[in-house]
Amino acid sequence: MSKKFKLSKQVSEKWTDRALYSSSIDKDKAIELVELLYTKSGLKVPPIVFTDSPVENQKKLKELKEKRGEKYEYVSPYELLSECSTFASYDFLDKLGLTKNQDDFVKYKNLVFEAGLWEIIAMDEVAIVCGCPTRVLRDENGDLHFDNGPALTWNGLSLYFLHGVEFTEEEYNKVISRNLTLEDIEKFPNADQKAVATSFLPARVLLDRANAVLIHTGIEGTRLFKVENFEGTGETQYAMVMNCPSTGREFLEWVEPEVGKLGDADLAQASCWRDEKGNPLSLEDWLTSDHA
C-alpha cells in the first residue's frame, strides 16, 4: 500500500469519525463558521437558529419552502455523511502540499471539525444549525450498527442501522425479530437491505432455500448439512448449525469441504477451534476440552 493511499484512507476515516462522534456543539465556533460562510459569500448574516436534531432542521426548512411556494424534499440525516468526502478530499490534497493561498477554506475546514456540527441549512432569512448526534454505535468495521435499538440518535430523532445499512424502525424491528421469510425480504426496496436482512434469517430458512440435507448430528446437537450445487455453481458445500447454550439462538457456519465431506458434525465443529499455537483442534482434544 503506497504512502499516499494510506494517507488518503487515514484522512477519510478522520472526517467520518468526526461526523460520527457523539459530542456537544460549540456554539461560539458554530456562529463563527456561519458568519464566515455568509460574509465570504457577500451576504448579510441572518439570525442563527440552533435545533436539537436534523429532523427539526427539516421541519423549519419545510416551513420556509412552503412560505416561498417552493417544493420541499426530505433529506435523510445519514445522506449528509457524503459531505465528509468533500472535506476529506481537500484535507488530503492540503496535506500533500498541493493547495496554496486557501486560508479561508482552511479556517472553514477547521471550524467544521471543531464546532461539533452535523448540518447547516443556509438561507437568506435564517441559518438553521444542529450539532452531532448524542449517541453513535458502530460495529467492528466502523459501520453504524446496533441490534438492540437505534444506532444514531439526537434529541427527538432515532435512526436504525444494521452493519451500515439504514432501516425504518418498522423494517428494523422485523429484521431483528428473525421471523422474516424470504418473501418478506424480497419486499425491501434495495439490495443492501435485502443482504443484511438475509444474514439475520434463522438457519433453517437459509438451509431450506439451499435444499440442504442433514447428514450427521453430533453429541452436542451440532447438525452438519450437505448442500449440492451450491448457488448454482455445481460445487458441494457443507454447513453446520449450532445452538447457543445461553440464548438458544441458532448459528450457521460454513465448513471447509475437505472437513465437511468426512460427514462428522463434531469433527466439523472441532475444526473451528484453535489451540494456543493457532492450530485446529483434533476431534479428541475438542471432545475433552471445555468447548464440548
Protein backbone atom coordinates (compact mmCIF):
# COMPACT_ATOMS: atom_id res chain seq x y z
CA MET A 1 0.00 0.00 0.00
CA SER A 2 1.51 3.36 -1.03
CA LYS A 3 2.07 6.15 1.47
CA LYS A 4 -0.37 8.38 -0.40
CA PHE A 5 -3.08 5.71 -0.32
CA LYS A 6 -2.54 5.20 3.42
CA LEU A 7 -2.73 8.94 3.99
CA SER A 8 -5.91 9.22 1.92
CA LYS A 9 -7.50 6.43 3.95
CA GLN A 10 -6.46 8.00 7.25
CA VAL A 11 -7.84 11.41 6.30
CA SER A 12 -11.12 9.92 5.09
CA GLU A 13 -11.52 7.96 8.32
CA LYS A 14 -10.72 11.09 10.34
CA TRP A 15 -13.61 13.03 8.83
CA THR A 16 -16.07 10.15 9.02
CA ASP A 17 -15.10 9.53 12.66
CA ARG A 18 -15.62 13.21 13.42
CA ALA A 19 -19.06 13.23 11.84
CA LEU A 20 -20.00 10.10 13.78
CA TYR A 21 -18.63 11.33 17.09
CA SER A 22 -21.10 11.98 19.88
CA SER A 23 -20.31 15.43 21.22
CA SER A 24 -21.93 18.70 22.28
CA ILE A 25 -21.94 21.61 19.87
CA ASP A 26 -19.57 24.54 20.38
CA LYS A 27 -21.99 27.38 19.66
CA ASP A 28 -19.31 30.08 19.56
CA LYS A 29 -17.39 28.24 16.85
CA ALA A 30 -20.65 27.43 15.07
CA ILE A 31 -21.58 31.11 14.95
CA GLU A 32 -18.10 32.00 13.73
CA LEU A 33 -18.45 29.39 10.99
CA VAL A 34 -21.84 30.67 9.83
CA GLU A 35 -20.59 34.27 9.81
CA LEU A 36 -17.59 33.21 7.75
CA LEU A 37 -19.82 31.44 5.22
CA TYR A 38 -22.12 34.41 4.71
CA THR A 39 -19.53 37.20 4.72
CA LYS A 40 -17.26 35.41 2.25
CA SER A 41 -20.31 34.90 0.04
CA GLY A 42 -21.08 38.63 0.15
CA LEU A 43 -24.32 38.05 2.04
CA LYS A 44 -25.78 39.58 5.18
CA VAL A 45 -25.56 37.26 8.15
CA PRO A 46 -29.13 36.25 9.12
CA PRO A 47 -30.41 35.14 12.52
CA ILE A 48 -28.88 31.82 13.56
CA VAL A 49 -31.24 29.19 14.96
CA PHE A 50 -29.94 26.13 16.82
CA THR A 51 -32.04 22.97 16.83
CA ASP A 52 -31.80 19.65 18.67
CA SER A 53 -31.77 17.37 15.63
CA PRO A 54 -31.73 17.19 11.84
CA VAL A 55 -35.47 16.47 11.85
CA GLU A 56 -36.05 19.87 13.46
CA ASN A 57 -33.85 21.39 10.76
CA GLN A 58 -36.02 19.73 8.13
CA LYS A 59 -39.24 20.98 9.73
CA LYS A 60 -38.01 24.58 9.69
CA LEU A 61 -36.75 24.17 6.12
CA LYS A 62 -40.13 22.81 5.05
CA GLU A 63 -41.91 25.79 6.62
CA LEU A 64 -39.66 28.24 4.78
CA LYS A 65 -40.04 26.39 1.47
CA GLU A 66 -43.81 26.40 1.79
CA LYS A 67 -43.82 30.15 2.52
CA ARG A 68 -41.80 30.65 -0.67
CA GLY A 69 -44.07 28.36 -2.63
CA GLU A 70 -41.12 26.06 -3.33
CA LYS A 71 -41.03 22.28 -3.40
CA TYR A 72 -39.67 20.58 -0.30
CA GLU A 73 -37.81 17.25 -0.43
CA TYR A 74 -36.81 15.38 2.70
CA VAL A 75 -33.10 14.53 3.09
CA SER A 76 -32.06 11.71 5.39
CA PRO A 77 -29.52 12.87 8.01
CA TYR A 78 -27.34 9.91 7.05
CA GLU A 79 -27.04 11.21 3.49
CA LEU A 80 -25.20 14.22 4.87
CA LEU A 81 -22.21 11.97 5.58
CA SER A 82 -21.36 12.32 1.88
CA GLU A 83 -20.24 15.85 2.72
CA CYS A 84 -17.38 14.31 4.68
CA SER A 85 -15.81 13.15 1.42
CA THR A 86 -15.56 16.77 0.25
CA PHE A 87 -13.58 17.83 3.29
CA ALA A 88 -11.56 14.62 3.28
CA SER A 89 -10.54 15.14 -0.36
CA TYR A 90 -9.44 18.72 0.25
CA ASP A 91 -7.72 17.82 3.51
CA PHE A 92 -5.81 15.06 1.70
CA LEU A 93 -4.61 17.44 -1.01
CA ASP A 94 -3.73 20.01 1.64
CA LYS A 95 -1.54 17.50 3.49
CA LEU A 96 0.25 16.71 0.23
CA GLY A 97 1.07 20.40 -0.13
CA LEU A 98 -0.97 20.77 -3.31
CA THR A 99 -3.13 23.68 -2.10
CA LYS A 100 -1.86 27.21 -1.74
CA ASN A 101 -3.35 30.50 -0.53
CA GLN A 102 -6.52 28.92 0.74
CA ASP A 103 -6.52 30.37 4.26
CA ASP A 104 -10.27 30.95 4.33
CA PHE A 105 -11.03 27.38 3.36
CA VAL A 106 -8.56 26.04 5.90
CA LYS A 107 -10.24 28.19 8.56
CA TYR A 108 -13.64 26.93 7.42
CA LYS A 109 -12.47 23.31 7.46
CA ASN A 110 -11.04 23.65 10.97
CA LEU A 111 -14.21 25.28 12.29
CA VAL A 112 -16.33 22.48 10.82
CA PHE A 113 -14.10 19.93 12.52
CA GLU A 114 -14.02 21.71 15.88
CA ALA A 115 -17.57 23.06 16.21
CA GLY A 116 -19.30 19.70 16.52
CA LEU A 117 -21.72 20.44 13.68
CA TRP A 118 -23.83 17.96 11.78
CA GLU A 119 -25.71 20.31 9.47
CA ILE A 120 -26.11 23.95 8.47
CA ILE A 121 -29.07 24.97 6.32
CA ALA A 122 -28.04 28.37 4.96
CA MET A 123 -30.87 30.57 3.67
CA ASP A 124 -31.42 34.28 3.22
CA GLU A 125 -33.86 34.51 6.11
CA VAL A 126 -32.13 32.27 8.62
CA ALA A 127 -29.26 29.84 9.19
CA ILE A 128 -30.50 26.62 10.81
CA VAL A 129 -27.87 24.65 12.71
CA CYS A 130 -27.78 21.37 14.61
CA GLY A 131 -24.94 19.52 16.28
CA CYS A 132 -23.62 15.99 16.13
CA PRO A 133 -25.66 13.06 17.46
CA THR A 134 -25.96 12.33 21.15
CA ARG A 135 -25.44 8.61 20.59
CA VAL A 136 -23.40 6.73 18.00
CA LEU A 137 -22.95 2.95 17.91
CA ARG A 138 -20.83 1.16 15.31
CA ASP A 139 -19.72 -2.39 14.54
CA GLU A 140 -16.16 -3.70 14.38
CA ASN A 141 -15.82 -2.35 10.83
CA GLY A 142 -16.82 1.15 11.86
CA ASP A 143 -20.27 0.94 10.24
CA LEU A 144 -23.32 2.25 12.08
CA HIS A 145 -24.85 -0.76 13.79
CA PHE A 146 -26.84 -1.83 16.83
CA ASP A 147 -29.20 -4.79 17.05
CA ASN A 148 -30.91 -3.64 20.23
CA GLY A 149 -32.17 -0.18 19.35
CA PRO A 150 -31.18 2.91 17.34
CA ALA A 151 -27.53 3.32 16.36
CA LEU A 152 -27.75 7.06 15.78
CA THR A 153 -29.75 9.44 17.96
CA TRP A 154 -30.37 13.10 18.57
CA ASN A 155 -32.93 14.56 20.95
CA GLY A 156 -36.21 13.57 19.35
CA LEU A 157 -34.69 11.55 16.49
CA SER A 158 -33.60 7.91 16.32
CA LEU A 159 -32.12 6.22 13.25
CA TYR A 160 -31.77 2.46 12.89
CA PHE A 161 -28.83 0.72 11.22
CA LEU A 162 -27.55 -2.81 10.81
CA HIS A 163 -23.98 -3.08 9.56
CA GLY A 164 -24.11 0.36 7.92
CA VAL A 165 -27.50 -0.10 6.25
CA GLU A 166 -30.36 2.17 7.28
CA PHE A 167 -33.83 0.81 8.02
CA THR A 168 -37.04 2.42 9.18
CA GLU A 169 -37.97 1.49 12.73
CA GLU A 170 -40.66 -0.85 11.44
CA GLU A 171 -38.28 -2.55 8.98
CA TYR A 172 -35.59 -2.79 11.65
CA ASN A 173 -37.89 -4.48 14.15
CA LYS A 174 -38.92 -7.02 11.53
CA VAL A 175 -35.29 -7.89 10.77
CA ILE A 176 -34.07 -8.28 14.35
CA SER A 177 -37.13 -10.36 15.23
CA ARG A 178 -35.66 -13.03 12.91
CA ASN A 179 -39.16 -14.05 11.88
CA LEU A 180 -38.91 -12.88 8.28
CA THR A 181 -39.45 -15.17 5.34
CA LEU A 182 -37.57 -14.92 2.05
CA GLU A 183 -40.75 -13.47 0.57
CA ASP A 184 -40.70 -10.73 3.20
CA ILE A 185 -37.10 -9.88 2.38
CA GLU A 186 -37.85 -9.52 -1.31
CA LYS A 187 -40.14 -6.62 -0.39
CA PHE A 188 -37.26 -4.49 0.90
CA PRO A 189 -36.57 -1.63 -1.52
CA ASN A 190 -32.81 -2.07 -2.06
CA ALA A 191 -30.18 -4.80 -2.35
CA ASP A 192 -28.20 -3.74 0.74
CA GLN A 193 -31.26 -4.08 2.95
CA LYS A 194 -32.04 -7.48 1.45
CA ALA A 195 -28.48 -8.71 2.07
CA VAL A 196 -28.43 -7.60 5.71
CA ALA A 197 -31.93 -8.94 6.36
CA THR A 198 -30.93 -12.30 4.88
CA SER A 199 -27.97 -12.51 7.29
CA PHE A 200 -30.45 -12.28 10.19
CA LEU A 201 -32.60 -15.13 8.93
CA PRO A 202 -32.79 -18.28 11.06
CA ALA A 203 -30.51 -21.05 9.85
CA ARG A 204 -33.46 -23.28 8.94
CA VAL A 205 -34.72 -20.75 6.40
CA LEU A 206 -31.33 -20.41 4.71
CA LEU A 207 -30.87 -24.18 4.63
CA ASP A 208 -34.32 -24.77 3.19
CA ARG A 209 -33.56 -22.24 0.49
CA ALA A 210 -30.33 -24.09 -0.34
CA ASN A 211 -32.01 -27.53 -0.36
CA ALA A 212 -29.58 -28.65 2.33
CA VAL A 213 -29.61 -32.26 3.53
CA LEU A 214 -28.82 -33.22 7.13
CA ILE A 215 -26.04 -35.80 7.12
CA HIS A 216 -24.96 -36.02 10.76
CA THR A 217 -25.84 -34.81 14.27
CA GLY A 218 -23.02 -34.55 16.84
CA ILE A 219 -23.01 -35.41 20.52
CA GLU A 220 -23.73 -31.77 21.49
CA GLY A 221 -26.53 -31.43 18.94
CA THR A 222 -24.47 -29.76 16.20
CA ARG A 223 -26.02 -30.59 12.81
CA LEU A 224 -23.95 -31.00 9.67
CA PHE A 225 -25.64 -30.32 6.34
CA LYS A 226 -24.63 -31.05 2.77
CA VAL A 227 -25.52 -28.56 0.02
CA GLU A 228 -25.13 -29.81 -3.53
CA ASN A 229 -24.88 -27.44 -6.49
CA PHE A 230 -24.32 -24.52 -4.10
CA GLU A 231 -25.81 -21.30 -5.54
CA GLY A 232 -25.85 -22.97 -8.96
CA THR A 233 -22.05 -23.40 -9.07
CA GLY A 234 -22.08 -27.19 -9.29
CA GLU A 235 -19.95 -27.33 -6.13
CA THR A 236 -20.83 -29.19 -2.95
CA GLN A 237 -20.57 -27.18 0.25
CA TYR A 238 -21.15 -28.05 3.89
CA ALA A 239 -22.68 -26.10 6.75
CA MET A 240 -23.12 -26.78 10.43
CA VAL A 241 -25.78 -25.38 12.73
CA MET A 242 -25.10 -24.88 16.43
CA ASN A 243 -27.26 -23.60 19.29
CA CYS A 244 -26.01 -21.02 21.78
CA PRO A 245 -26.29 -22.64 25.26
CA SER A 246 -27.34 -19.37 26.95
CA THR A 247 -29.81 -17.94 24.41
CA GLY A 248 -30.81 -20.99 22.37
CA ARG A 249 -30.21 -18.95 19.20
CA GLU A 250 -29.09 -20.92 16.15
CA PHE A 251 -25.82 -20.09 14.43
CA LEU A 252 -24.85 -21.29 10.98
CA GLU A 253 -21.22 -21.70 9.95
CA TRP A 254 -19.87 -22.89 6.62
CA VAL A 255 -17.34 -25.70 6.84
CA GLU A 256 -14.33 -26.35 4.64
CA PRO A 257 -15.38 -29.01 2.08
CA GLU A 258 -12.37 -31.17 2.98
CA VAL A 259 -13.72 -31.39 6.54
CA GLY A 260 -17.40 -31.49 5.68
CA LYS A 261 -17.13 -34.41 3.31
CA LEU A 262 -15.94 -36.58 6.21
CA GLY A 263 -19.54 -36.44 7.41
CA ASP A 264 -18.87 -35.83 11.11
CA ALA A 265 -20.55 -32.85 12.81
CA ASP A 266 -18.26 -32.98 15.84
CA LEU A 267 -15.17 -33.00 13.65
CA ALA A 268 -16.57 -30.05 11.71
CA GLN A 269 -17.12 -28.10 14.92
CA ALA A 270 -13.69 -29.05 16.26
CA SER A 271 -12.09 -27.66 13.08
CA CYS A 272 -13.36 -24.19 14.00
CA TRP A 273 -11.41 -24.10 17.26
CA ARG A 274 -7.69 -23.44 17.62
CA ASP A 275 -5.10 -24.40 20.19
CA GLU A 276 -2.65 -21.94 21.77
CA LYS A 277 -0.43 -22.15 18.68
CA GLY A 278 -3.31 -21.41 16.33
CA ASN A 279 -3.65 -24.96 15.02
CA PRO A 280 -7.09 -26.60 14.58
CA LEU A 281 -8.08 -28.85 17.48
CA SER A 282 -8.27 -32.56 16.86
CA LEU A 283 -11.63 -34.22 17.46
CA GLU A 284 -10.25 -35.94 20.58
CA ASP A 285 -8.90 -32.66 22.01
CA TRP A 286 -12.16 -30.84 21.25
CA LEU A 287 -14.31 -33.52 22.88
CA THR A 288 -12.20 -33.38 26.08
CA SER A 289 -11.96 -29.58 26.19
CA ASP A 290 -14.28 -27.02 27.79
CA HIS A 291 -15.74 -26.27 24.35
CA ALA A 292 -17.60 -29.57 24.17
